[in-house]
Amino acid sequence: MILESRSIIFSDEELVLALRPVLEGRGQSTNPPLKNIISELDEEGEVSVQMVLSDGSDTIMFNSREVGAAVLNHCIDQGVPLPRGSYKELAIRGDHVALIVRLESGKISSGIDEDEE
């Protein structure tokens, strides 16, 4: 079996673009005054994102489900190929959110019959 794995890493700027629909759905500004973006694993090992604002307002928090849907939809909107049958997982790569895409193909075949060993 062949396993293909691809990491799609989001810069902070691209992550903010991806999260804009979530902000809009919450009725919040889609252009908050950003000071910092913090992407990390929460207590349960899931990816979370915090938008720290420069105006002293409360930090905007996004859970793994929101981040996952946002980056997946952003990839689709941007025309990034995502195979339908692939396994998709959020991860942290350095300081950034990554969408890991894994696809299995082919069959295991060593070309050696077990009786010949």
PDB file of N, CA and C in Angstrom:
ATOM      1  N   MET A   1       0.851  -1.169   0.000  1.00  0.00           N
ATOM      2  CA  MET A   1       0.000   0.000   0.000  1.00  0.00           C
ATOM      3  C   MET A   1       0.902   1.240   0.000  1.00  0.00           C
ATOM      4  N   ILE A   2       0.515   2.227  -0.737  1.00  0.00           N
ATOM      5  CA  ILE A   2       1.240   3.489  -0.814  1.00  0.00           C
ATOM      6  C   ILE A   2       0.472   4.522  -0.003  1.00  0.00           C
ATOM      7  N   LEU A   3       1.190   5.256   0.829  1.00  0.00           N
ATOM      8  CA  LEU A   3       0.574   6.307   1.634  1.00  0.00           C
ATOM      9  C   LEU A   3       1.157   7.647   1.216  1.00  0.00           C
ATOM     10  N   GLU A   4       0.312   8.518   0.727  1.00  0.00           N
ATOM     11  CA  GLU A   4       0.727   9.871   0.355  1.00  0.00           C
ATOM     12  C   GLU A   4       0.285  10.806   1.470  1.00  0.00           C
ATOM     13  N   SER A   5       1.174  11.668   1.906  1.00  0.00           N
ATOM     14  CA  SER A   5       0.861  12.630   2.954  1.00  0.00           C
ATOM     15  C   SER A   5       1.308  14.005   2.496  1.00  0.00           C
ATOM     16  N   ARG A   6       0.427  14.968   2.665  1.00  0.00           N
ATOM     17  CA  ARG A   6       0.716  16.337   2.250  1.00  0.00           C
ATOM     18  C   ARG A   6       0.336  17.272   3.379  1.00  0.00           C
ATOM     19  N   SER A   7       1.176  18.269   3.641  1.00  0.00           N
ATOM     20  CA  SER A   7       0.884  19.286   4.656  1.00  0.00           C
ATOM     21  C   SER A   7       0.612  20.607   3.969  1.00  0.00           C
ATOM     22  N   ILE A   8      -0.531  21.171   4.246  1.00  0.00           N
ATOM     23  CA  ILE A   8      -0.875  22.500   3.742  1.00  0.00           C
ATOM     24  C   ILE A   8      -0.769  23.436   4.940  1.00  0.00           C
ATOM     25  N   ILE A   9       0.264  24.257   4.938  1.00  0.00           N
ATOM     26  CA  ILE A   9       0.554  25.113   6.087  1.00  0.00           C
ATOM     27  C   ILE A   9       0.028  26.517   5.807  1.00  0.00           C
ATOM     28  N   PHE A  10      -0.700  27.055   6.783  1.00  0.00           N
ATOM     29  CA  PHE A  10      -1.331  28.366   6.644  1.00  0.00           C
ATOM     30  C   PHE A  10      -0.511  29.435   7.344  1.00  0.00           C
ATOM     31  N   SER A  11      -0.137  30.464   6.612  1.00  0.00           N
ATOM     32  CA  SER A  11       0.498  31.621   7.247  1.00  0.00           C
ATOM     33  C   SER A  11      -0.552  32.290   8.131  1.00  0.00           C
ATOM     34  N   ASP A  12      -0.114  33.151   9.022  1.00  0.00           N
ATOM     35  CA  ASP A  12      -1.078  33.863   9.874  1.00  0.00           C
ATOM     36  C   ASP A  12      -2.063  34.661   9.030  1.00  0.00           C
ATOM     37  N   GLU A  13      -1.558  35.298   7.969  1.00  0.00           N
ATOM     38  CA  GLU A  13      -2.424  36.106   7.104  1.00  0.00           C
ATOM     39  C   GLU A  13      -3.489  35.241   6.427  1.00  0.00           C
ATOM     40  N   GLU A  14      -3.062  34.077   5.930  1.00  0.00           N
ATOM     41  CA  GLU A  14      -3.999  33.175   5.253  1.00  0.00           C
ATOM     42  C   GLU A  14      -4.998  32.585   6.240  1.00  0.00           C
ATOM     43  N   LEU A  15      -4.554  32.302   7.457  1.00  0.00           N
ATOM     44  CA  LEU A  15      -5.447  31.787   8.486  1.00  0.00           C
ATOM     45  C   LEU A  15      -6.513  32.812   8.846  1.00  0.00           C
ATOM     46  N   VAL A  16      -6.123  34.076   8.932  1.00  0.00           N
ATOM     47  CA  VAL A  16      -7.094  35.140   9.212  1.00  0.00           C
ATOM     48  C   VAL A  16      -8.133  35.197   8.095  1.00  0.00           C
ATOM     49  N   LEU A  17      -7.693  35.095   6.847  1.00  0.00           N
ATOM     50  CA  LEU A  17      -8.639  35.076   5.720  1.00  0.00           C
ATOM     51  C   LEU A  17      -9.597  33.894   5.834  1.00  0.00           C
ATOM     52  N   ALA A  18      -9.061  32.736   6.198  1.00  0.00           N
ATOM     53  CA  ALA A  18      -9.891  31.531   6.323  1.00  0.00           C
ATOM     54  C   ALA A  18     -10.918  31.665   7.444  1.00  0.00           C
ATOM     55  N   LEU A  19     -10.546  32.364   8.522  1.00  0.00           N
ATOM     56  CA  LEU A  19     -11.437  32.492   9.682  1.00  0.00           C
ATOM     57  C   LEU A  19     -12.457  33.624   9.556  1.00  0.00           C
ATOM     58  N   ARG A  20     -12.347  34.452   8.538  1.00  0.00           N
ATOM     59  CA  ARG A  20     -13.297  35.567   8.382  1.00  0.00           C
ATOM     60  C   ARG A  20     -14.760  35.120   8.332  1.00  0.00           C
ATOM     61  N   PRO A  21     -15.095  34.055   7.597  1.00  0.00           N
ATOM     62  CA  PRO A  21     -16.501  33.616   7.610  1.00  0.00           C
ATOM     63  C   PRO A  21     -16.992  33.209   8.998  1.00  0.00           C
ATOM     64  N   VAL A  22     -16.099  32.670   9.831  1.00  0.00           N
ATOM     65  CA  VAL A  22     -16.485  32.299  11.199  1.00  0.00           C
ATOM     66  C   VAL A  22     -16.790  33.564  11.992  1.00  0.00           C
ATOM     67  N   LEU A  23     -15.917  34.572  11.853  1.00  0.00           N
ATOM     68  CA  LEU A  23     -16.154  35.848  12.528  1.00  0.00           C
ATOM     69  C   LEU A  23     -17.473  36.462  12.071  1.00  0.00           C
ATOM     70  N   GLU A  24     -17.701  36.428  10.768  1.00  0.00           N
ATOM     71  CA  GLU A  24     -18.941  36.981  10.216  1.00  0.00           C
ATOM     72  C   GLU A  24     -20.158  36.243  10.767  1.00  0.00           C
ATOM     73  N   GLY A  25     -20.074  34.935  10.858  1.00  0.00           N
ATOM     74  CA  GLY A  25     -21.162  34.127  11.402  1.00  0.00           C
ATOM     75  C   GLY A  25     -21.448  34.428  12.864  1.00  0.00           C
ATOM     76  N   ARG A  26     -20.433  34.882  13.579  1.00  0.00           N
ATOM     77  CA  ARG A  26     -20.602  35.265  14.985  1.00  0.00           C
ATOM     78  C   ARG A  26     -21.082  36.708  15.133  1.00  0.00           C
ATOM     79  N   GLY A  27     -21.146  37.428  14.031  1.00  0.00           N
ATOM     80  CA  GLY A  27     -21.547  38.834  14.100  1.00  0.00           C
ATOM     81  C   GLY A  27     -20.406  39.748  14.536  1.00  0.00           C
ATOM     82  N   GLN A  28     -19.163  39.261  14.408  1.00  0.00           N
ATOM     83  CA  GLN A  28     -18.006  40.056  14.793  1.00  0.00           C
ATOM     84  C   GLN A  28     -17.370  40.679  13.553  1.00  0.00           C
ATOM     85  N   SER A  29     -16.533  41.674  13.781  1.00  0.00           N
ATOM     86  CA  SER A  29     -15.817  42.327  12.688  1.00  0.00           C
ATOM     87  C   SER A  29     -14.932  41.313  11.974  1.00  0.00           C
ATOM     88  N   THR A  30     -14.930  41.360  10.645  1.00  0.00           N
ATOM     89  CA  THR A  30     -14.082  40.456   9.873  1.00  0.00           C
ATOM     90  C   THR A  30     -12.666  41.018   9.712  1.00  0.00           C
ATOM     91  N   ASN A  31     -12.446  42.226  10.203  1.00  0.00           N
ATOM     92  CA  ASN A  31     -11.113  42.844  10.182  1.00  0.00           C
ATOM     93  C   ASN A  31     -10.746  43.341  11.575  1.00  0.00           C
ATOM     94  N   PRO A  32     -10.613  42.446  12.548  1.00  0.00           N
ATOM     95  CA  PRO A  32     -10.293  42.893  13.906  1.00  0.00           C
ATOM     96  C   PRO A  32      -8.871  43.470  13.955  1.00  0.00           C
ATOM     97  N   PRO A  33      -8.613  44.387  14.885  1.00  0.00           N
ATOM     98  CA  PRO A  33      -7.268  44.970  15.016  1.00  0.00           C
ATOM     99  C   PRO A  33      -6.307  43.957  15.655  1.00  0.00           C
ATOM    100  N   LEU A  34      -5.624  43.198  14.823  1.00  0.00           N
ATOM    101  CA  LEU A  34      -4.800  42.087  15.314  1.00  0.00           C
ATOM    102  C   LEU A  34      -3.450  42.537  15.851  1.00  0.00           C
ATOM    103  N   LYS A  35      -3.112  41.948  16.965  1.00  0.00           N
ATOM    104  CA  LYS A  35      -1.776  42.107  17.531  1.00  0.00           C
ATOM    105  C   LYS A  35      -0.972  40.834  17.297  1.00  0.00           C
ATOM    106  N   ASN A  36      -1.639  39.686  17.472  1.00  0.00           N
ATOM    107  CA  ASN A  36      -0.956  38.407  17.358  1.00  0.00           C
ATOM    108  C   ASN A  36      -1.961  37.294  17.082  1.00  0.00           C
ATOM    109  N   ILE A  37      -1.482  36.247  16.414  1.00  0.00           N
ATOM    110  CA  ILE A  37      -2.259  35.023  16.202  1.00  0.00           C
ATOM    111  C   ILE A  37      -1.508  33.909  16.930  1.00  0.00           C
ATOM    112  N   ILE A  38      -2.196  33.190  17.791  1.00  0.00           N
ATOM    113  CA  ILE A  38      -1.576  32.088  18.526  1.00  0.00           C
ATOM    114  C   ILE A  38      -2.283  30.797  18.127  1.00  0.00           C
ATOM    115  N   SER A  39      -1.523  29.917  17.488  1.00  0.00           N
ATOM    116  CA  SER A  39      -2.026  28.600  17.097  1.00  0.00           C
ATOM    117  C   SER A  39      -1.338  27.576  17.974  1.00  0.00           C
ATOM    118  N   GLU A  40      -2.141  26.764  18.677  1.00  0.00           N
ATOM    119  CA  GLU A  40      -1.566  25.799  19.613  1.00  0.00           C
ATOM    120  C   GLU A  40      -2.518  24.638  19.818  1.00  0.00           C
ATOM    121  N   LEU A  41      -2.035  23.639  20.541  1.00  0.00           N
ATOM    122  CA  LEU A  41      -2.887  22.520  20.934  1.00  0.00           C
ATOM    123  C   LEU A  41      -3.520  22.841  22.279  1.00  0.00           C
ATOM    124  N   ASP A  42      -4.827  22.560  22.402  1.00  0.00           N
ATOM    125  CA  ASP A  42      -5.514  22.796  23.674  1.00  0.00           C
ATOM    126  C   ASP A  42      -5.264  21.626  24.627  1.00  0.00           C
ATOM    127  N   GLU A  43      -5.949  21.636  25.772  1.00  0.00           N
ATOM    128  CA  GLU A  43      -5.754  20.593  26.783  1.00  0.00           C
ATOM    129  C   GLU A  43      -6.092  19.200  26.275  1.00  0.00           C
ATOM    130  N   GLU A  44      -6.953  19.117  25.274  1.00  0.00           N
ATOM    131  CA  GLU A  44      -7.361  17.822  24.729  1.00  0.00           C
ATOM    132  C   GLU A  44      -6.518  17.396  23.530  1.00  0.00           C
ATOM    133  N   GLY A  45      -5.486  18.189  23.210  1.00  0.00           N
ATOM    134  CA  GLY A  45      -4.623  17.867  22.078  1.00  0.00           C
ATOM    135  C   GLY A  45      -5.180  18.299  20.735  1.00  0.00           C
ATOM    136  N   GLU A  46      -6.214  19.119  20.771  1.00  0.00           N
ATOM    137  CA  GLU A  46      -6.835  19.610  19.545  1.00  0.00           C
ATOM    138  C   GLU A  46      -6.284  20.994  19.196  1.00  0.00           C
ATOM    139  N   VAL A  47      -6.256  21.315  17.915  1.00  0.00           N
ATOM    140  CA  VAL A  47      -5.766  22.615  17.461  1.00  0.00           C
ATOM    141  C   VAL A  47      -6.752  23.704  17.864  1.00  0.00           C
ATOM    142  N   SER A  48      -6.223  24.789  18.406  1.00  0.00           N
ATOM    143  CA  SER A  48      -7.041  25.963  18.706  1.00  0.00           C
ATOM    144  C   SER A  48      -6.279  27.202  18.249  1.00  0.00           C
ATOM    145  N   VAL A  49      -7.026  28.261  18.005  1.00  0.00           N
ATOM    146  CA  VAL A  49      -6.436  29.519  17.543  1.00  0.00           C
ATOM    147  C   VAL A  49      -6.980  30.647  18.395  1.00  0.00           C
ATOM    148  N   GLN A  50      -6.093  31.561  18.754  1.00  0.00           N
ATOM    149  CA  GLN A  50      -6.474  32.765  19.485  1.00  0.00           C
ATOM    150  C   GLN A  50      -6.048  33.978  18.672  1.00  0.00           C
ATOM    151  N   MET A  51      -6.956  34.925  18.520  1.00  0.00           N
ATOM    152  CA  MET A  51      -6.620  36.209  17.916  1.00  0.00           C
ATOM    153  C   MET A  51      -6.495  37.212  19.052  1.00  0.00           C
ATOM    154  N   VAL A  52      -5.268  37.675  19.290  1.00  0.00           N
ATOM    155  CA  VAL A  52      -5.011  38.678  20.315  1.00  0.00           C
ATOM    156  C   VAL A  52      -5.148  40.040  19.637  1.00  0.00           C
ATOM    157  N   LEU A  53      -5.993  40.896  20.213  1.00  0.00           N
ATOM    158  CA  LEU A  53      -6.299  42.176  19.581  1.00  0.00           C
ATOM    159  C   LEU A  53      -5.448  43.303  20.144  1.00  0.00           C
ATOM    160  N   SER A  54      -5.085  44.232  19.272  1.00  0.00           N
ATOM    161  CA  SER A  54      -4.205  45.335  19.662  1.00  0.00           C
ATOM    162  C   SER A  54      -4.935  46.434  20.430  1.00  0.00           C
ATOM    163  N   ASP A  55      -6.267  46.443  20.376  1.00  0.00           N
ATOM    164  CA  ASP A  55      -7.023  47.501  21.062  1.00  0.00           C
ATOM    165  C   ASP A  55      -7.376  47.129  22.503  1.00  0.00           C
ATOM    166  N   GLY A  56      -6.867  45.982  22.984  1.00  0.00           N
ATOM    167  CA  GLY A  56      -7.128  45.561  24.359  1.00  0.00           C
ATOM    168  C   GLY A  56      -8.437  44.814  24.536  1.00  0.00           C
ATOM    169  N   SER A  57      -9.190  44.613  23.465  1.00  0.00           N
ATOM    170  CA  SER A  57     -10.441  43.846  23.544  1.00  0.00           C
ATOM    171  C   SER A  57     -10.132  42.401  23.901  1.00  0.00           C
ATOM    172  N   ASP A  58     -11.180  41.678  24.285  1.00  0.00           N
ATOM    173  CA  ASP A  58     -11.023  40.261  24.620  1.00  0.00           C
ATOM    174  C   ASP A  58     -10.455  39.479  23.437  1.00  0.00           C
ATOM    175  N   THR A  59      -9.603  38.524  23.742  1.00  0.00           N
ATOM    176  CA  THR A  59      -9.043  37.634  22.736  1.00  0.00           C
ATOM    177  C   THR A  59     -10.173  36.838  22.088  1.00  0.00           C
ATOM    178  N   ILE A  60     -10.085  36.651  20.781  1.00  0.00           N
ATOM    179  CA  ILE A  60     -11.083  35.871  20.051  1.00  0.00           C
ATOM    180  C   ILE A  60     -10.553  34.442  19.947  1.00  0.00           C
ATOM    181  N   MET A  61     -11.352  33.490  20.426  1.00  0.00           N
ATOM    182  CA  MET A  61     -10.950  32.085  20.473  1.00  0.00           C
ATOM    183  C   MET A  61     -11.690  31.272  19.403  1.00  0.00           C
ATOM    184  N   PHE A  62     -10.970  30.333  18.805  1.00  0.00           N
ATOM    185  CA  PHE A  62     -11.546  29.417  17.822  1.00  0.00           C
ATOM    186  C   PHE A  62     -11.168  27.997  18.223  1.00  0.00           C
ATOM    187  N   ASN A  63     -12.155  27.113  18.281  1.00  0.00           N
ATOM    188  CA  ASN A  63     -11.869  25.720  18.619  1.00  0.00           C
ATOM    189  C   ASN A  63     -11.500  24.930  17.366  1.00  0.00           C
ATOM    190  N   SER A  64     -11.108  23.704  17.568  1.00  0.00           N
ATOM    191  CA  SER A  64     -10.636  22.854  16.481  1.00  0.00           C
ATOM    192  C   SER A  64     -11.679  22.667  15.379  1.00  0.00           C
ATOM    193  N   ARG A  65     -12.899  22.502  15.778  1.00  0.00           N
ATOM    194  CA  ARG A  65     -13.966  22.296  14.788  1.00  0.00           C
ATOM    195  C   ARG A  65     -14.122  23.526  13.884  1.00  0.00           C
ATOM    196  N   GLU A  66     -14.086  24.706  14.487  1.00  0.00           N
ATOM    197  CA  GLU A  66     -14.206  25.941  13.709  1.00  0.00           C
ATOM    198  C   GLU A  66     -13.004  26.133  12.782  1.00  0.00           C
ATOM    199  N   VAL A  67     -11.810  25.879  13.309  1.00  0.00           N
ATOM    200  CA  VAL A  67     -10.594  26.040  12.510  1.00  0.00           C
ATOM    201  C   VAL A  67     -10.582  25.035  11.367  1.00  0.00           C
ATOM    202  N   GLY A  68     -10.921  23.792  11.657  1.00  0.00           N
ATOM    203  CA  GLY A  68     -10.938  22.758  10.629  1.00  0.00           C
ATOM    204  C   GLY A  68     -11.884  23.087   9.484  1.00  0.00           C
ATOM    205  N   ALA A  69     -13.100  23.469   9.822  1.00  0.00           N
ATOM    206  CA  ALA A  69     -14.079  23.819   8.786  1.00  0.00           C
ATOM    207  C   ALA A  69     -13.606  25.036   7.996  1.00  0.00           C
ATOM    208  N   ALA A  70     -13.022  26.011   8.693  1.00  0.00           N
ATOM    209  CA  ALA A  70     -12.570  27.242   8.031  1.00  0.00           C
ATOM    210  C   ALA A  70     -11.447  26.969   7.040  1.00  0.00           C
ATOM    211  N   VAL A  71     -10.439  26.188   7.449  1.00  0.00           N
ATOM    212  CA  VAL A  71      -9.317  25.949   6.537  1.00  0.00           C
ATOM    213  C   VAL A  71      -9.729  25.021   5.391  1.00  0.00           C
ATOM    214  N   LEU A  72     -10.597  24.063   5.655  1.00  0.00           N
ATOM    215  CA  LEU A  72     -11.094  23.187   4.597  1.00  0.00           C
ATOM    216  C   LEU A  72     -11.872  23.988   3.553  1.00  0.00           C
ATOM    217  N   ASN A  73     -12.791  24.839   4.011  1.00  0.00           N
ATOM    218  CA  ASN A  73     -13.557  25.673   3.079  1.00  0.00           C
ATOM    219  C   ASN A  73     -12.661  26.647   2.337  1.00  0.00           C
ATOM    220  N   HIS A  74     -11.642  27.168   3.014  1.00  0.00           N
ATOM    221  CA  HIS A  74     -10.716  28.099   2.365  1.00  0.00           C
ATOM    222  C   HIS A  74      -9.940  27.394   1.248  1.00  0.00           C
ATOM    223  N   CYS A  75      -9.501  26.173   1.496  1.00  0.00           N
ATOM    224  CA  CYS A  75      -8.808  25.407   0.458  1.00  0.00           C
ATOM    225  C   CYS A  75      -9.721  25.199  -0.754  1.00  0.00           C
ATOM    226  N   ILE A  76     -10.955  24.846  -0.498  1.00  0.00           N
ATOM    227  CA  ILE A  76     -11.911  24.639  -1.589  1.00  0.00           C
ATOM    228  C   ILE A  76     -12.107  25.933  -2.366  1.00  0.00           C
ATOM    229  N   ASP A  77     -12.299  27.046  -1.662  1.00  0.00           N
ATOM    230  CA  ASP A  77     -12.486  28.352  -2.310  1.00  0.00           C
ATOM    231  C   ASP A  77     -11.280  28.764  -3.140  1.00  0.00           C
ATOM    232  N   GLN A  78     -10.077  28.394  -2.686  1.00  0.00           N
ATOM    233  CA  GLN A  78      -8.841  28.780  -3.369  1.00  0.00           C
ATOM    234  C   GLN A  78      -8.417  27.769  -4.445  1.00  0.00           C
ATOM    235  N   GLY A  79      -9.179  26.694  -4.588  1.00  0.00           N
ATOM    236  CA  GLY A  79      -8.872  25.701  -5.615  1.00  0.00           C
ATOM    237  C   GLY A  79      -7.728  24.761  -5.261  1.00  0.00           C
ATOM    238  N   VAL A  80      -7.437  24.613  -3.964  1.00  0.00           N
ATOM    239  CA  VAL A  80      -6.403  23.679  -3.530  1.00  0.00           C
ATOM    240  C   VAL A  80      -6.990  22.268  -3.615  1.00  0.00           C
ATOM    241  N   PRO A  81      -6.352  21.371  -4.369  1.00  0.00           N
ATOM    242  CA  PRO A  81      -6.923  20.032  -4.517  1.00  0.00           C
ATOM    243  C   PRO A  81      -6.901  19.230  -3.213  1.00  0.00           C
ATOM    244  N   LEU A  82      -8.066  18.716  -2.858  1.00  0.00           N
ATOM    245  CA  LEU A  82      -8.231  17.882  -1.666  1.00  0.00           C
ATOM    246  C   LEU A  82      -8.987  16.627  -2.086  1.00  0.00           C
ATOM    247  N   PRO A  83      -8.292  15.504  -2.239  1.00  0.00           N
ATOM    248  CA  PRO A  83      -8.975  14.281  -2.671  1.00  0.00           C
ATOM    249  C   PRO A  83     -10.119  13.908  -1.734  1.00  0.00           C
ATOM    250  N   ARG A  84     -11.240  13.527  -2.303  1.00  0.00           N
ATOM    251  CA  ARG A  84     -12.433  13.198  -1.529  1.00  0.00           C
ATOM    252  C   ARG A  84     -12.217  12.093  -0.512  1.00  0.00           C
ATOM    253  N   GLY A  85     -11.544  11.055  -0.898  1.00  0.00           N
ATOM    254  CA  GLY A  85     -11.375   9.897  -0.023  1.00  0.00           C
ATOM    255  C   GLY A  85     -10.213  10.024   0.944  1.00  0.00           C
ATOM    256  N   SER A  86      -9.633  11.198   1.019  1.00  0.00           N
ATOM    257  CA  SER A  86      -8.457  11.357   1.866  1.00  0.00           C
ATOM    258  C   SER A  86      -8.836  11.612   3.317  1.00  0.00           C
ATOM    259  N   TYR A  87      -7.908  11.257   4.202  1.00  0.00           N
ATOM    260  CA  TYR A  87      -8.051  11.518   5.624  1.00  0.00           C
ATOM    261  C   TYR A  87      -7.469  12.905   5.872  1.00  0.00           C
ATOM    262  N   LYS A  88      -8.223  13.765   6.522  1.00  0.00           N
ATOM    263  CA  LYS A  88      -7.776  15.136   6.774  1.00  0.00           C
ATOM    264  C   LYS A  88      -7.681  15.373   8.270  1.00  0.00           C
ATOM    265  N   GLU A  89      -6.594  16.031   8.674  1.00  0.00           N
ATOM    266  CA  GLU A  89      -6.332  16.240  10.090  1.00  0.00           C
ATOM    267  C   GLU A  89      -5.660  17.590  10.287  1.00  0.00           C
ATOM    268  N   LEU A  90      -6.039  18.281  11.352  1.00  0.00           N
ATOM    269  CA  LEU A  90      -5.377  19.532  11.716  1.00  0.00           C
ATOM    270  C   LEU A  90      -4.166  19.231  12.573  1.00  0.00           C
ATOM    271  N   ALA A  91      -3.123  20.037  12.382  1.00  0.00           N
ATOM    272  CA  ALA A  91      -1.911  19.888  13.185  1.00  0.00           C
ATOM    273  C   ALA A  91      -1.265  21.258  13.335  1.00  0.00           C
ATOM    274  N   ILE A  92      -0.265  21.321  14.184  1.00  0.00           N
ATOM    275  CA  ILE A  92       0.543  22.521  14.340  1.00  0.00           C
ATOM    276  C   ILE A  92       1.917  22.215  13.759  1.00  0.00           C
ATOM    277  N   ARG A  93       2.381  23.038  12.853  1.00  0.00           N
ATOM    278  CA  ARG A  93       3.719  22.927  12.277  1.00  0.00           C
ATOM    279  C   ARG A  93       4.438  24.228  12.581  1.00  0.00           C
ATOM    280  N   GLY A  94       5.375  24.170  13.509  1.00  0.00           N
ATOM    281  CA  GLY A  94       6.029  25.396  13.966  1.00  0.00           C
ATOM    282  C   GLY A  94       5.019  26.204  14.743  1.00  0.00           C
ATOM    283  N   ASP A  95       4.763  27.424  14.297  1.00  0.00           N
ATOM    284  CA  ASP A  95       3.767  28.297  14.931  1.00  0.00           C
ATOM    285  C   ASP A  95       2.489  28.393  14.106  1.00  0.00           C
ATOM    286  N   HIS A  96       2.337  27.523  13.116  1.00  0.00           N
ATOM    287  CA  HIS A  96       1.235  27.670  12.167  1.00  0.00           C
ATOM    288  C   HIS A  96       0.311  26.458  12.155  1.00  0.00           C
ATOM    289  N   VAL A  97      -0.927  26.698  11.730  1.00  0.00           N
ATOM    290  CA  VAL A  97      -1.904  25.636  11.542  1.00  0.00           C
ATOM    291  C   VAL A  97      -1.594  24.947  10.217  1.00  0.00           C
ATOM    292  N   ALA A  98      -1.679  23.626  10.226  1.00  0.00           N
ATOM    293  CA  ALA A  98      -1.485  22.842   9.011  1.00  0.00           C
ATOM    294  C   ALA A  98      -2.650  21.885   8.843  1.00  0.00           C
ATOM    295  N   LEU A  99      -3.062  21.705   7.606  1.00  0.00           N
ATOM    296  CA  LEU A  99      -4.053  20.697   7.257  1.00  0.00           C
ATOM    297  C   LEU A  99      -3.267  19.548   6.637  1.00  0.00           C
ATOM    298  N   ILE A 100      -3.287  18.399   7.294  1.00  0.00           N
ATOM    299  CA  ILE A 100      -2.577  17.216   6.808  1.00  0.00           C
ATOM    300  C   ILE A 100      -3.572  16.392   6.001  1.00  0.00           C
ATOM    301  N   VAL A 101      -3.194  16.070   4.773  1.00  0.00           N
ATOM    302  CA  VAL A 101      -4.043  15.295   3.876  1.00  0.00           C
ATOM    303  C   VAL A 101      -3.323  13.980   3.595  1.00  0.00           C
ATOM    304  N   ARG A 102      -3.969  12.853   3.921  1.00  0.00           N
ATOM    305  CA  ARG A 102      -3.380  11.535   3.700  1.00  0.00           C
ATOM    306  C   ARG A 102      -4.276  10.727   2.774  1.00  0.00           C
ATOM    307  N   LEU A 103      -3.635  10.055   1.835  1.00  0.00           N
ATOM    308  CA  LEU A 103      -4.368   9.257   0.871  1.00  0.00           C
ATOM    309  C   LEU A 103      -3.665   7.914   0.706  1.00  0.00           C
ATOM    310  N   GLU A 104      -4.404   6.828   0.895  1.00  0.00           N
ATOM    311  CA  GLU A 104      -3.867   5.484   0.697  1.00  0.00           C
ATOM    312  C   GLU A 104      -4.267   4.999  -0.683  1.00  0.00           C
ATOM    313  N   SER A 105      -3.330   4.357  -1.372  1.00  0.00           N
ATOM    314  CA  SER A 105      -3.656   3.807  -2.679  1.00  0.00           C
ATOM    315  C   SER A 105      -2.864   2.533  -2.914  1.00  0.00           C
ATOM    316  N   GLY A 106      -3.330   1.714  -3.833  1.00  0.00           N
ATOM    317  CA  GLY A 106      -2.644   0.478  -4.170  1.00  0.00           C
ATOM    318  C   GLY A 106      -2.881  -0.614  -3.151  1.00  0.00           C
ATOM    319  N   LYS A 107      -2.336  -1.754  -3.443  1.00  0.00           N
ATOM    320  CA  LYS A 107      -2.443  -2.910  -2.551  1.00  0.00           C
ATOM    321  C   LYS A 107      -1.045  -3.333  -2.149  1.00  0.00           C
ATOM    322  N   ILE A 108      -0.963  -4.010  -1.037  1.00  0.00           N
ATOM    323  CA  ILE A 108       0.326  -4.553  -0.611  1.00  0.00           C
ATOM    324  C   ILE A 108       0.629  -5.775  -1.471  1.00  0.00           C
ATOM    325  N   SER A 109       1.768  -5.707  -2.126  1.00  0.00           N
ATOM    326  CA  SER A 109       2.161  -6.834  -2.960  1.00  0.00           C
ATOM    327  C   SER A 109       3.673  -6.893  -3.001  1.00  0.00           C
ATOM    328  N   SER A 110       4.247  -7.902  -2.383  1.00  0.00           N
ATOM    329  CA  SER A 110       5.700  -8.019  -2.340  1.00  0.00           C
ATOM    330  C   SER A 110       6.235  -8.784  -3.542  1.00  0.00           C
ATOM    331  N   GLY A 111       5.356  -9.439  -4.269  1.00  0.00           N
ATOM    332  CA  GLY A 111       5.803 -10.235  -5.394  1.00  0.00           C
ATOM    333  C   GLY A 111       6.368 -11.587  -4.978  1.00  0.00           C
ATOM    334  N   ILE A 112       6.368 -11.889  -3.698  1.00  0.00           N
ATOM    335  CA  ILE A 112       6.872 -13.159  -3.179  1.00  0.00           C
ATOM    336  C   ILE A 112       5.702 -13.932  -2.594  1.00  0.00           C
ATOM    337  N   ASP A 113       5.527 -15.124  -3.053  1.00  0.00           N
ATOM    338  CA  ASP A 113       4.481 -15.988  -2.520  1.00  0.00           C
ATOM    339  C   ASP A 113       4.931 -16.469  -1.151  1.00  0.00           C
ATOM    340  N   GLU A 114       4.046 -16.462  -0.175  1.00  0.00           N
ATOM    341  CA  GLU A 114       4.408 -16.849   1.189  1.00  0.00           C
ATOM    342  C   GLU A 114       5.005 -18.246   1.273  1.00  0.00           C
ATOM    343  N   ASP A 115       4.610 -19.149   0.357  1.00  0.00           N
ATOM    344  CA  ASP A 115       5.129 -20.505   0.365  1.00  0.00           C
ATOM    345  C   ASP A 115       6.581 -20.579  -0.103  1.00  0.00           C
ATOM    346  N   GLU A 116       7.049 -19.544  -0.796  1.00  0.00           N
ATOM    347  CA  GLU A 116       8.401 -19.553  -1.350  1.00  0.00           C
ATOM    348  C   GLU A 116       9.445 -19.128  -0.333  1.00  0.00           C
ATOM    349  N   GLU A 117       9.068 -18.574   0.785  1.00  0.00           N
ATOM    350  CA  GLU A 117      10.029 -18.074   1.766  1.00  0.00           C
ATOM    351  C   GLU A 117      10.746 -19.166   2.496  1.00  0.00           C
TER     352      GLU A 117
END
